[in-house]
Amino acid sequence: METAVTTLLDGLVFSSYLFLVSVGLTIIFGVMKILNVAHGSLYAWGAYTAAYLIGVWSDAGLDDSGTFLMIAAAALLVGCVLGFVLERGLIQFMYARDEVIVVLATFATFLILEDVILLVFGVDPYFAYQPMAYLGSVELGGILRDVYSLTLIGLAAVVGLVLWIGLTWTRWGKLLTAVIHDRELAVAMGINVTRVYVLTFMLGAVLG
């Protein structure tokens, strides 16, 4: 029984991690038809930035509950800044290109961003344990599990529900649908496709 519970919880936790990261890549590809190989580097930048901000917060002697704000701030900061820079500086020139060119360009960007991470954050590991320690642990089926990992299951479900509602029932979702099906017709109807693409890429970057 304990083995079954462990397998189930581990599967749900890791699938939640993968969903939260990959859903941003899926949105970008679905709307913009761009396979952004550099998406993984956005995840790495978000992780390093969050760990750095958590360390700064804790070193200042502030309450550990605020470290969750640092995680959200890192996602917004990295997603909005790097997302905007990548879309305006590279991706906008890839829309009419062959898929192979897009993959090569974004893979090169991935390699560059990985090296820049080493220049900015160094090679020493960052230990951002405060959020996990703050939430503690709970016993489920005889197995002691940290609450932080379990909350990711709920977070993934909430993000999925919000995205489904946003893409299905909101005006922004209708605009995305129009752009996905026929970009030229969307432009003719007065939709600012450039803004849609920029905001979509930034949203995908934040989720990454």
N, C-alpha and C. Protein backbone atom coordinates (compact mmCIF):
# COMPACT_ATOMS: atom_id res chain seq x y z
N MET A 1 0.84 -1.21 0.00
CA MET A 1 0.00 0.00 0.00
C MET A 1 0.87 1.26 0.00
N GLU A 2 1.92 1.25 0.82
CA GLU A 2 2.81 2.40 0.88
C GLU A 2 3.51 2.63 -0.46
N THR A 3 3.88 1.53 -1.12
CA THR A 3 4.52 1.65 -2.44
C THR A 3 3.55 2.26 -3.45
N ALA A 4 2.29 1.83 -3.40
CA ALA A 4 1.29 2.35 -4.33
C ALA A 4 1.05 3.84 -4.10
N VAL A 5 0.97 4.26 -2.85
CA VAL A 5 0.76 5.67 -2.52
C VAL A 5 1.96 6.50 -2.97
N THR A 6 3.15 5.99 -2.72
CA THR A 6 4.37 6.71 -3.12
C THR A 6 4.42 6.88 -4.63
N THR A 7 4.13 5.81 -5.36
CA THR A 7 4.15 5.88 -6.82
C THR A 7 3.11 6.86 -7.35
N LEU A 8 1.92 6.82 -6.77
CA LEU A 8 0.85 7.72 -7.20
C LEU A 8 1.20 9.18 -6.95
N LEU A 9 1.67 9.48 -5.73
CA LEU A 9 2.00 10.86 -5.39
C LEU A 9 3.19 11.38 -6.20
N ASP A 10 4.21 10.55 -6.37
CA ASP A 10 5.37 10.95 -7.17
C ASP A 10 4.96 11.22 -8.61
N GLY A 11 4.11 10.36 -9.14
CA GLY A 11 3.64 10.56 -10.51
C GLY A 11 2.86 11.85 -10.67
N LEU A 12 1.99 12.14 -9.70
CA LEU A 12 1.20 13.38 -9.76
C LEU A 12 2.08 14.62 -9.61
N VAL A 13 3.06 14.56 -8.71
CA VAL A 13 3.94 15.71 -8.47
C VAL A 13 4.78 16.00 -9.71
N PHE A 14 5.42 14.97 -10.25
CA PHE A 14 6.30 15.19 -11.40
C PHE A 14 5.50 15.56 -12.65
N SER A 15 4.32 15.00 -12.81
CA SER A 15 3.49 15.39 -13.95
C SER A 15 3.01 16.83 -13.80
N SER A 16 2.82 17.29 -12.56
CA SER A 16 2.44 18.69 -12.34
C SER A 16 3.58 19.62 -12.72
N TYR A 17 4.82 19.25 -12.34
CA TYR A 17 6.00 20.01 -12.76
C TYR A 17 6.03 20.14 -14.28
N LEU A 18 5.92 18.99 -14.95
CA LEU A 18 6.01 18.96 -16.41
C LEU A 18 4.89 19.74 -17.06
N PHE A 19 3.69 19.64 -16.50
CA PHE A 19 2.56 20.37 -17.07
C PHE A 19 2.77 21.87 -16.98
N LEU A 20 3.18 22.35 -15.81
CA LEU A 20 3.35 23.79 -15.61
C LEU A 20 4.40 24.36 -16.56
N VAL A 21 5.45 23.60 -16.82
CA VAL A 21 6.50 24.08 -17.73
C VAL A 21 6.07 23.94 -19.19
N SER A 22 5.51 22.78 -19.53
CA SER A 22 5.21 22.49 -20.93
C SER A 22 3.98 23.22 -21.44
N VAL A 23 3.06 23.61 -20.57
CA VAL A 23 1.84 24.27 -21.05
C VAL A 23 2.18 25.62 -21.69
N GLY A 24 3.22 26.29 -21.18
CA GLY A 24 3.64 27.54 -21.81
C GLY A 24 4.18 27.31 -23.20
N LEU A 25 5.00 26.26 -23.36
CA LEU A 25 5.52 25.90 -24.67
C LEU A 25 4.40 25.52 -25.62
N THR A 26 3.38 24.83 -25.11
CA THR A 26 2.25 24.41 -25.93
C THR A 26 1.45 25.60 -26.42
N ILE A 27 1.22 26.57 -25.54
CA ILE A 27 0.47 27.77 -25.93
C ILE A 27 1.22 28.52 -27.02
N ILE A 28 2.53 28.70 -26.86
CA ILE A 28 3.33 29.41 -27.85
C ILE A 28 3.28 28.69 -29.20
N PHE A 29 3.44 27.38 -29.18
CA PHE A 29 3.42 26.63 -30.43
C PHE A 29 2.03 26.63 -31.06
N GLY A 30 1.00 26.51 -30.22
CA GLY A 30 -0.36 26.46 -30.75
C GLY A 30 -0.79 27.76 -31.40
N VAL A 31 -0.39 28.88 -30.83
CA VAL A 31 -0.82 30.18 -31.36
C VAL A 31 0.11 30.67 -32.45
N MET A 32 1.42 30.56 -32.21
CA MET A 32 2.40 31.19 -33.08
C MET A 32 3.07 30.24 -34.06
N LYS A 33 2.82 28.91 -33.88
CA LYS A 33 3.44 27.88 -34.71
C LYS A 33 4.97 27.98 -34.65
N ILE A 34 5.48 28.32 -33.47
CA ILE A 34 6.92 28.43 -33.24
C ILE A 34 7.32 27.39 -32.18
N LEU A 35 8.24 26.49 -32.55
CA LEU A 35 8.76 25.53 -31.58
C LEU A 35 9.96 26.17 -30.89
N ASN A 36 9.71 26.72 -29.72
CA ASN A 36 10.74 27.47 -29.00
C ASN A 36 11.62 26.52 -28.18
N VAL A 37 12.73 26.09 -28.77
CA VAL A 37 13.63 25.18 -28.08
C VAL A 37 14.27 25.86 -26.86
N ALA A 38 14.32 27.17 -26.87
CA ALA A 38 14.91 27.93 -25.74
C ALA A 38 14.00 27.99 -24.53
N HIS A 39 12.84 27.34 -24.59
CA HIS A 39 11.89 27.40 -23.48
C HIS A 39 12.49 26.84 -22.20
N GLY A 40 13.33 25.80 -22.33
CA GLY A 40 13.95 25.22 -21.15
C GLY A 40 14.86 26.18 -20.42
N SER A 41 15.50 27.07 -21.17
CA SER A 41 16.38 28.05 -20.53
C SER A 41 15.56 29.08 -19.75
N LEU A 42 14.32 29.32 -20.16
CA LEU A 42 13.45 30.22 -19.39
C LEU A 42 13.15 29.60 -18.03
N TYR A 43 12.94 28.28 -18.02
CA TYR A 43 12.73 27.56 -16.76
C TYR A 43 13.96 27.71 -15.86
N ALA A 44 15.15 27.53 -16.46
CA ALA A 44 16.39 27.63 -15.69
C ALA A 44 16.57 29.04 -15.13
N TRP A 45 16.31 30.06 -15.96
CA TRP A 45 16.44 31.44 -15.50
C TRP A 45 15.45 31.74 -14.37
N GLY A 46 14.24 31.23 -14.50
CA GLY A 46 13.25 31.43 -13.44
C GLY A 46 13.66 30.77 -12.15
N ALA A 47 14.23 29.56 -12.25
CA ALA A 47 14.67 28.83 -11.05
C ALA A 47 15.81 29.56 -10.35
N TYR A 48 16.81 29.98 -11.11
CA TYR A 48 17.95 30.69 -10.51
C TYR A 48 17.51 32.03 -9.91
N THR A 49 16.66 32.74 -10.65
CA THR A 49 16.20 34.04 -10.15
C THR A 49 15.39 33.89 -8.88
N ALA A 50 14.51 32.88 -8.85
CA ALA A 50 13.70 32.64 -7.66
C ALA A 50 14.59 32.28 -6.47
N ALA A 51 15.57 31.40 -6.70
CA ALA A 51 16.47 31.00 -5.62
C ALA A 51 17.28 32.19 -5.11
N TYR A 52 17.71 33.05 -6.03
CA TYR A 52 18.47 34.23 -5.63
C TYR A 52 17.61 35.18 -4.80
N LEU A 53 16.39 35.45 -5.27
CA LEU A 53 15.50 36.37 -4.55
C LEU A 53 15.10 35.80 -3.18
N ILE A 54 14.90 34.50 -3.13
CA ILE A 54 14.58 33.86 -1.84
C ILE A 54 15.74 34.03 -0.87
N GLY A 55 16.96 33.86 -1.37
CA GLY A 55 18.13 34.05 -0.52
C GLY A 55 18.24 35.48 -0.01
N VAL A 56 17.98 36.45 -0.88
CA VAL A 56 18.03 37.86 -0.48
C VAL A 56 16.96 38.14 0.57
N TRP A 57 15.76 37.59 0.35
CA TRP A 57 14.65 37.79 1.29
C TRP A 57 14.99 37.21 2.67
N SER A 58 15.52 36.01 2.68
CA SER A 58 15.85 35.35 3.95
C SER A 58 17.02 36.02 4.65
N ASP A 59 18.02 36.44 3.88
CA ASP A 59 19.17 37.12 4.49
C ASP A 59 18.78 38.44 5.14
N ALA A 60 17.68 39.02 4.66
CA ALA A 60 17.20 40.27 5.24
C ALA A 60 16.45 40.04 6.55
N GLY A 61 16.28 38.75 6.93
CA GLY A 61 15.60 38.43 8.17
C GLY A 61 14.09 38.51 8.11
N LEU A 62 13.52 38.49 6.91
CA LEU A 62 12.06 38.58 6.74
C LEU A 62 11.42 37.21 6.88
N ASP A 63 10.11 37.22 7.11
CA ASP A 63 9.38 35.97 7.34
C ASP A 63 9.41 35.09 6.10
N ASP A 64 9.57 33.78 6.31
CA ASP A 64 9.68 32.84 5.20
C ASP A 64 8.42 32.77 4.35
N SER A 65 7.29 33.20 4.87
CA SER A 65 6.06 33.17 4.06
C SER A 65 6.18 34.07 2.83
N GLY A 66 7.03 35.09 2.94
CA GLY A 66 7.21 36.00 1.81
C GLY A 66 8.03 35.41 0.69
N THR A 67 8.67 34.26 0.91
CA THR A 67 9.45 33.64 -0.15
C THR A 67 8.57 33.18 -1.32
N PHE A 68 7.29 32.93 -1.02
CA PHE A 68 6.38 32.55 -2.11
C PHE A 68 6.14 33.75 -3.04
N LEU A 69 6.17 34.94 -2.49
CA LEU A 69 6.08 36.13 -3.33
C LEU A 69 7.31 36.25 -4.23
N MET A 70 8.45 35.83 -3.72
CA MET A 70 9.69 35.88 -4.51
C MET A 70 9.61 34.91 -5.69
N ILE A 71 8.98 33.76 -5.47
CA ILE A 71 8.80 32.80 -6.57
C ILE A 71 7.94 33.41 -7.67
N ALA A 72 6.82 34.03 -7.27
CA ALA A 72 5.93 34.66 -8.25
C ALA A 72 6.62 35.83 -8.94
N ALA A 73 7.37 36.60 -8.17
CA ALA A 73 8.08 37.76 -8.74
C ALA A 73 9.12 37.30 -9.76
N ALA A 74 9.82 36.21 -9.46
CA ALA A 74 10.82 35.70 -10.40
C ALA A 74 10.17 35.24 -11.70
N ALA A 75 9.03 34.55 -11.58
CA ALA A 75 8.33 34.09 -12.79
C ALA A 75 7.89 35.27 -13.65
N LEU A 76 7.32 36.30 -13.03
CA LEU A 76 6.85 37.46 -13.77
C LEU A 76 8.02 38.24 -14.36
N LEU A 77 9.08 38.41 -13.57
CA LEU A 77 10.23 39.19 -14.03
C LEU A 77 10.91 38.51 -15.22
N VAL A 78 11.26 37.25 -15.04
CA VAL A 78 11.95 36.52 -16.11
C VAL A 78 11.04 36.34 -17.32
N GLY A 79 9.79 35.94 -17.08
CA GLY A 79 8.87 35.71 -18.19
C GLY A 79 8.60 36.95 -19.01
N CYS A 80 8.32 38.05 -18.34
CA CYS A 80 7.98 39.28 -19.05
C CYS A 80 9.19 39.90 -19.74
N VAL A 81 10.32 39.96 -19.04
CA VAL A 81 11.51 40.59 -19.61
C VAL A 81 12.11 39.73 -20.72
N LEU A 82 12.47 38.47 -20.39
CA LEU A 82 13.07 37.61 -21.41
C LEU A 82 12.08 37.27 -22.51
N GLY A 83 10.81 37.09 -22.14
CA GLY A 83 9.80 36.80 -23.15
C GLY A 83 9.68 37.92 -24.16
N PHE A 84 9.62 39.15 -23.68
CA PHE A 84 9.51 40.30 -24.57
C PHE A 84 10.77 40.45 -25.44
N VAL A 85 11.93 40.32 -24.81
CA VAL A 85 13.19 40.47 -25.56
C VAL A 85 13.33 39.40 -26.63
N LEU A 86 13.01 38.15 -26.30
CA LEU A 86 13.13 37.07 -27.27
C LEU A 86 12.14 37.22 -28.42
N GLU A 87 10.91 37.59 -28.10
CA GLU A 87 9.91 37.71 -29.16
C GLU A 87 10.22 38.86 -30.10
N ARG A 88 10.57 40.01 -29.53
CA ARG A 88 10.87 41.19 -30.36
C ARG A 88 12.24 41.10 -31.02
N GLY A 89 13.19 40.46 -30.34
CA GLY A 89 14.55 40.43 -30.86
C GLY A 89 14.84 39.27 -31.79
N LEU A 90 14.04 38.18 -31.70
CA LEU A 90 14.33 37.00 -32.51
C LEU A 90 13.09 36.38 -33.15
N ILE A 91 12.12 36.04 -32.33
CA ILE A 91 11.00 35.24 -32.80
C ILE A 91 10.20 35.95 -33.89
N GLN A 92 10.07 37.26 -33.83
CA GLN A 92 9.26 37.97 -34.83
C GLN A 92 9.83 37.82 -36.24
N PHE A 93 11.12 37.51 -36.33
CA PHE A 93 11.74 37.32 -37.64
C PHE A 93 11.66 35.87 -38.11
N MET A 94 11.07 35.00 -37.30
CA MET A 94 11.02 33.58 -37.60
C MET A 94 9.67 33.11 -38.13
N TYR A 95 8.65 33.98 -38.12
CA TYR A 95 7.30 33.53 -38.44
C TYR A 95 7.17 32.96 -39.85
N ALA A 96 7.87 33.52 -40.80
CA ALA A 96 7.76 33.04 -42.19
C ALA A 96 8.89 32.10 -42.57
N ARG A 97 9.71 31.73 -41.61
CA ARG A 97 10.87 30.89 -41.89
C ARG A 97 10.52 29.41 -41.85
N ASP A 98 11.40 28.61 -42.43
CA ASP A 98 11.26 27.16 -42.37
C ASP A 98 11.43 26.68 -40.93
N GLU A 99 10.75 25.57 -40.61
CA GLU A 99 10.79 25.06 -39.24
C GLU A 99 12.20 24.74 -38.78
N VAL A 100 13.05 24.27 -39.69
CA VAL A 100 14.42 23.92 -39.32
C VAL A 100 15.19 25.17 -38.88
N ILE A 101 14.97 26.28 -39.57
CA ILE A 101 15.63 27.54 -39.20
C ILE A 101 15.18 27.99 -37.82
N VAL A 102 13.90 27.84 -37.53
CA VAL A 102 13.36 28.23 -36.23
C VAL A 102 14.00 27.40 -35.12
N VAL A 103 14.08 26.09 -35.34
CA VAL A 103 14.67 25.21 -34.33
C VAL A 103 16.14 25.55 -34.11
N LEU A 104 16.89 25.78 -35.18
CA LEU A 104 18.31 26.11 -35.05
C LEU A 104 18.50 27.44 -34.32
N ALA A 105 17.68 28.44 -34.67
CA ALA A 105 17.80 29.76 -34.05
C ALA A 105 17.48 29.71 -32.56
N THR A 106 16.41 29.02 -32.21
CA THR A 106 16.02 28.95 -30.79
C THR A 106 16.96 28.05 -30.01
N PHE A 107 17.53 27.02 -30.66
CA PHE A 107 18.51 26.19 -29.97
C PHE A 107 19.79 26.97 -29.69
N ALA A 108 20.19 27.79 -30.64
CA ALA A 108 21.36 28.65 -30.42
C ALA A 108 21.08 29.62 -29.28
N THR A 109 19.86 30.14 -29.22
CA THR A 109 19.47 31.04 -28.13
C THR A 109 19.53 30.31 -26.80
N PHE A 110 19.09 29.06 -26.80
CA PHE A 110 19.16 28.24 -25.59
C PHE A 110 20.59 28.12 -25.08
N LEU A 111 21.53 27.84 -25.98
CA LEU A 111 22.93 27.70 -25.59
C LEU A 111 23.48 29.02 -25.04
N ILE A 112 23.11 30.13 -25.68
CA ILE A 112 23.58 31.44 -25.23
C ILE A 112 23.05 31.75 -23.84
N LEU A 113 21.75 31.54 -23.63
CA LEU A 113 21.14 31.84 -22.34
C LEU A 113 21.71 30.97 -21.22
N GLU A 114 22.04 29.72 -21.55
CA GLU A 114 22.64 28.84 -20.54
C GLU A 114 24.01 29.36 -20.11
N ASP A 115 24.79 29.86 -21.06
CA ASP A 115 26.11 30.41 -20.72
C ASP A 115 25.98 31.72 -19.94
N VAL A 116 24.99 32.52 -20.29
CA VAL A 116 24.78 33.79 -19.59
C VAL A 116 24.37 33.53 -18.14
N ILE A 117 23.63 32.46 -17.90
CA ILE A 117 23.26 32.08 -16.53
C ILE A 117 24.52 31.89 -15.69
N LEU A 118 25.52 31.21 -16.25
CA LEU A 118 26.77 30.98 -15.51
C LEU A 118 27.49 32.29 -15.23
N LEU A 119 27.42 33.23 -16.18
CA LEU A 119 28.07 34.52 -15.97
C LEU A 119 27.37 35.35 -14.89
N VAL A 120 26.04 35.26 -14.85
CA VAL A 120 25.25 36.08 -13.92
C VAL A 120 25.23 35.46 -12.52
N PHE A 121 24.95 34.17 -12.44
CA PHE A 121 24.73 33.52 -11.14
C PHE A 121 25.93 32.70 -10.67
N GLY A 122 26.91 32.49 -11.52
CA GLY A 122 28.06 31.71 -11.13
C GLY A 122 27.80 30.21 -11.21
N VAL A 123 28.73 29.43 -10.71
CA VAL A 123 28.63 27.97 -10.79
C VAL A 123 28.31 27.34 -9.43
N ASP A 124 28.22 28.13 -8.39
CA ASP A 124 27.89 27.60 -7.07
C ASP A 124 26.40 27.29 -6.98
N PRO A 125 26.01 26.22 -6.29
CA PRO A 125 24.59 25.88 -6.16
C PRO A 125 23.84 26.85 -5.25
N TYR A 126 22.55 27.01 -5.53
CA TYR A 126 21.67 27.83 -4.70
C TYR A 126 20.70 26.89 -3.97
N PHE A 127 20.59 27.06 -2.66
CA PHE A 127 19.70 26.21 -1.87
C PHE A 127 18.53 27.04 -1.36
N ALA A 128 17.42 27.00 -2.10
CA ALA A 128 16.23 27.76 -1.71
C ALA A 128 15.25 26.80 -1.03
N TYR A 129 15.56 26.45 0.20
CA TYR A 129 14.77 25.46 0.94
C TYR A 129 13.63 26.10 1.74
N GLN A 130 13.63 27.42 1.87
CA GLN A 130 12.72 28.09 2.79
C GLN A 130 11.23 27.82 2.50
N PRO A 131 10.76 27.91 1.25
CA PRO A 131 9.33 27.65 1.01
C PRO A 131 8.92 26.24 1.43
N MET A 132 9.75 25.26 1.11
CA MET A 132 9.42 23.87 1.47
C MET A 132 9.44 23.68 2.98
N ALA A 133 10.43 24.28 3.64
CA ALA A 133 10.51 24.15 5.10
C ALA A 133 9.33 24.85 5.78
N TYR A 134 8.89 25.97 5.21
CA TYR A 134 7.81 26.75 5.82
C TYR A 134 6.49 25.95 5.82
N LEU A 135 6.22 25.22 4.75
CA LEU A 135 4.96 24.48 4.66
C LEU A 135 4.99 23.17 5.45
N GLY A 136 6.18 22.68 5.74
CA GLY A 136 6.27 21.46 6.55
C GLY A 136 5.91 20.21 5.76
N SER A 137 5.48 19.19 6.48
CA SER A 137 5.16 17.90 5.86
C SER A 137 3.88 17.34 6.45
N VAL A 138 3.34 16.33 5.77
CA VAL A 138 2.11 15.69 6.21
C VAL A 138 2.22 14.19 5.91
N GLU A 139 1.55 13.37 6.70
CA GLU A 139 1.59 11.93 6.50
C GLU A 139 0.38 11.48 5.70
N LEU A 140 0.62 10.79 4.59
CA LEU A 140 -0.43 10.26 3.73
C LEU A 140 -0.18 8.78 3.47
N GLY A 141 -1.10 7.95 3.92
CA GLY A 141 -0.97 6.51 3.71
C GLY A 141 0.28 5.93 4.33
N GLY A 142 0.69 6.49 5.44
CA GLY A 142 1.89 6.01 6.11
C GLY A 142 3.18 6.57 5.56
N ILE A 143 3.07 7.46 4.58
CA ILE A 143 4.25 8.06 3.95
C ILE A 143 4.31 9.54 4.32
N LEU A 144 5.47 10.01 4.76
CA LEU A 144 5.64 11.41 5.11
C LEU A 144 6.02 12.19 3.84
N ARG A 145 5.19 13.16 3.46
CA ARG A 145 5.42 13.93 2.24
C ARG A 145 5.47 15.42 2.57
N ASP A 146 6.32 16.16 1.84
CA ASP A 146 6.36 17.61 2.04
C ASP A 146 5.15 18.25 1.37
N VAL A 147 4.56 19.21 2.06
CA VAL A 147 3.34 19.87 1.57
C VAL A 147 3.63 20.69 0.32
N TYR A 148 4.84 21.23 0.21
CA TYR A 148 5.19 22.06 -0.94
C TYR A 148 4.99 21.31 -2.26
N SER A 149 5.49 20.09 -2.34
CA SER A 149 5.32 19.31 -3.57
C SER A 149 3.86 18.99 -3.84
N LEU A 150 3.12 18.71 -2.78
CA LEU A 150 1.70 18.37 -2.95
C LEU A 150 0.90 19.56 -3.45
N THR A 151 1.29 20.78 -3.04
CA THR A 151 0.55 21.96 -3.51
C THR A 151 0.71 22.16 -5.01
N LEU A 152 1.79 21.62 -5.59
CA LEU A 152 1.99 21.77 -7.03
C LEU A 152 0.92 21.03 -7.82
N ILE A 153 0.38 19.96 -7.24
CA ILE A 153 -0.70 19.22 -7.90
C ILE A 153 -1.92 20.12 -8.02
N GLY A 154 -2.27 20.80 -6.93
CA GLY A 154 -3.40 21.72 -6.97
C GLY A 154 -3.12 22.92 -7.85
N LEU A 155 -1.88 23.43 -7.82
CA LEU A 155 -1.52 24.57 -8.65
C LEU A 155 -1.65 24.24 -10.13
N ALA A 156 -1.19 23.05 -10.53
CA ALA A 156 -1.30 22.63 -11.93
C ALA A 156 -2.76 22.55 -12.35
N ALA A 157 -3.62 22.03 -11.46
CA ALA A 157 -5.05 21.94 -11.77
C ALA A 157 -5.67 23.32 -11.92
N VAL A 158 -5.29 24.25 -11.04
CA VAL A 158 -5.83 25.62 -11.10
C VAL A 158 -5.37 26.32 -12.38
N VAL A 159 -4.08 26.19 -12.70
CA VAL A 159 -3.55 26.82 -13.92
C VAL A 159 -4.25 26.25 -15.15
N GLY A 160 -4.42 24.94 -15.20
CA GLY A 160 -5.11 24.33 -16.33
C GLY A 160 -6.54 24.82 -16.46
N LEU A 161 -7.24 24.94 -15.33
CA LEU A 161 -8.63 25.41 -15.37
C LEU A 161 -8.71 26.87 -15.81
N VAL A 162 -7.83 27.71 -15.28
CA VAL A 162 -7.83 29.12 -15.64
C VAL A 162 -7.51 29.30 -17.13
N LEU A 163 -6.55 28.55 -17.63
CA LEU A 163 -6.21 28.65 -19.05
C LEU A 163 -7.35 28.17 -19.93
N TRP A 164 -8.03 27.10 -19.52
CA TRP A 164 -9.16 26.60 -20.29
C TRP A 164 -10.28 27.63 -20.34
N ILE A 165 -10.58 28.22 -19.19
CA ILE A 165 -11.62 29.26 -19.16
C ILE A 165 -11.20 30.46 -20.00
N GLY A 166 -9.92 30.88 -19.86
CA GLY A 166 -9.44 32.03 -20.60
C GLY A 166 -9.45 31.83 -22.10
N LEU A 167 -9.08 30.64 -22.55
CA LEU A 167 -9.02 30.37 -23.98
C LEU A 167 -10.39 30.07 -24.58
N THR A 168 -11.33 29.65 -23.75
CA THR A 168 -12.63 29.22 -24.26
C THR A 168 -13.71 30.28 -24.13
N TRP A 169 -13.69 31.04 -23.03
CA TRP A 169 -14.82 31.88 -22.72
C TRP A 169 -14.52 33.39 -22.71
N THR A 170 -13.29 33.78 -22.90
CA THR A 170 -12.97 35.20 -22.83
C THR A 170 -12.74 35.80 -24.22
N ARG A 171 -12.77 37.12 -24.27
CA ARG A 171 -12.51 37.83 -25.53
C ARG A 171 -11.10 37.54 -26.03
N TRP A 172 -10.14 37.50 -25.10
CA TRP A 172 -8.77 37.21 -25.48
C TRP A 172 -8.66 35.82 -26.11
N GLY A 173 -9.39 34.87 -25.57
CA GLY A 173 -9.39 33.52 -26.13
C GLY A 173 -9.95 33.50 -27.54
N LYS A 174 -10.99 34.29 -27.79
CA LYS A 174 -11.57 34.37 -29.14
C LYS A 174 -10.58 35.00 -30.11
N LEU A 175 -9.84 36.02 -29.65
CA LEU A 175 -8.83 36.63 -30.51
C LEU A 175 -7.74 35.62 -30.87
N LEU A 176 -7.30 34.85 -29.87
CA LEU A 176 -6.30 33.83 -30.13
C LEU A 176 -6.80 32.80 -31.14
N THR A 177 -8.06 32.39 -30.99
CA THR A 177 -8.64 31.43 -31.92
C THR A 177 -8.65 31.97 -33.34
N ALA A 178 -9.00 33.24 -33.48
CA ALA A 178 -9.02 33.86 -34.81
C ALA A 178 -7.63 33.91 -35.42
N VAL A 179 -6.64 34.25 -34.61
CA VAL A 179 -5.26 34.33 -35.11
C VAL A 179 -4.74 32.95 -35.47
N ILE A 180 -5.07 31.95 -34.68
CA ILE A 180 -4.61 30.58 -34.94
C ILE A 180 -5.14 30.08 -36.27
N HIS A 181 -6.42 30.28 -36.53
CA HIS A 181 -7.06 29.71 -37.72
C HIS A 181 -6.70 30.47 -39.00
N ASP A 182 -6.61 31.80 -38.94
CA ASP A 182 -6.31 32.57 -40.14
C ASP A 182 -5.71 33.91 -39.74
N ARG A 183 -4.38 33.99 -39.76
CA ARG A 183 -3.70 35.21 -39.34
C ARG A 183 -4.04 36.38 -40.26
N GLU A 184 -4.05 36.14 -41.59
CA GLU A 184 -4.31 37.22 -42.54
C GLU A 184 -5.71 37.79 -42.35
N LEU A 185 -6.68 36.91 -42.17
CA LEU A 185 -8.05 37.37 -41.97
C LEU A 185 -8.17 38.12 -40.64
N ALA A 186 -7.45 37.67 -39.63
CA ALA A 186 -7.47 38.35 -38.33
C ALA A 186 -6.94 39.77 -38.47
N VAL A 187 -5.85 39.92 -39.25
CA VAL A 187 -5.31 41.26 -39.50
C VAL A 187 -6.32 42.12 -40.23
N ALA A 188 -7.00 41.54 -41.23
CA ALA A 188 -8.00 42.28 -42.00
C ALA A 188 -9.17 42.71 -41.13
N MET A 189 -9.46 41.95 -40.09
CA MET A 189 -10.57 42.28 -39.18
C MET A 189 -10.16 43.32 -38.14
N GLY A 190 -8.91 43.75 -38.17
CA GLY A 190 -8.46 44.79 -37.24
C GLY A 190 -7.81 44.29 -35.97
N ILE A 191 -7.53 42.99 -35.89
CA ILE A 191 -6.87 42.44 -34.71
C ILE A 191 -5.39 42.78 -34.76
N ASN A 192 -4.87 43.28 -33.67
CA ASN A 192 -3.44 43.60 -33.58
C ASN A 192 -2.68 42.30 -33.32
N VAL A 193 -2.32 41.62 -34.41
CA VAL A 193 -1.69 40.31 -34.29
C VAL A 193 -0.33 40.41 -33.60
N THR A 194 0.40 41.49 -33.85
CA THR A 194 1.70 41.66 -33.20
C THR A 194 1.56 41.68 -31.69
N ARG A 195 0.59 42.44 -31.20
CA ARG A 195 0.37 42.49 -29.75
C ARG A 195 -0.07 41.13 -29.20
N VAL A 196 -0.91 40.44 -29.95
CA VAL A 196 -1.36 39.11 -29.54
C VAL A 196 -0.17 38.17 -29.42
N TYR A 197 0.73 38.21 -30.40
CA TYR A 197 1.89 37.35 -30.38
C TYR A 197 2.83 37.68 -29.21
N VAL A 198 3.06 38.97 -28.98
CA VAL A 198 3.95 39.38 -27.90
C VAL A 198 3.41 38.93 -26.55
N LEU A 199 2.13 39.20 -26.30
CA LEU A 199 1.53 38.84 -25.02
C LEU A 199 1.45 37.33 -24.85
N THR A 200 1.17 36.61 -25.94
CA THR A 200 1.12 35.16 -25.86
C THR A 200 2.48 34.58 -25.52
N PHE A 201 3.53 35.09 -26.16
CA PHE A 201 4.87 34.60 -25.88
C PHE A 201 5.29 34.92 -24.45
N MET A 202 4.94 36.11 -23.96
CA MET A 202 5.25 36.47 -22.60
C MET A 202 4.51 35.59 -21.60
N LEU A 203 3.25 35.28 -21.89
CA LEU A 203 2.48 34.38 -21.03
C LEU A 203 3.12 33.00 -20.98
N GLY A 204 3.49 32.48 -22.15
CA GLY A 204 4.15 31.18 -22.19
C GLY A 204 5.47 31.18 -21.44
N ALA A 205 6.21 32.31 -21.54
CA ALA A 205 7.48 32.43 -20.82
C ALA A 205 7.27 32.46 -19.32
N VAL A 206 6.26 33.18 -18.86
CA VAL A 206 5.95 33.23 -17.42
C VAL A 206 5.61 31.84 -16.89
N LEU A 207 4.80 31.10 -17.64
CA LEU A 207 4.44 29.74 -17.23
C LEU A 207 5.67 28.84 -17.20
N GLY A 208 6.58 29.06 -18.15
CA GLY A 208 7.82 28.28 -18.16
C GLY A 208 8.67 28.56 -16.94
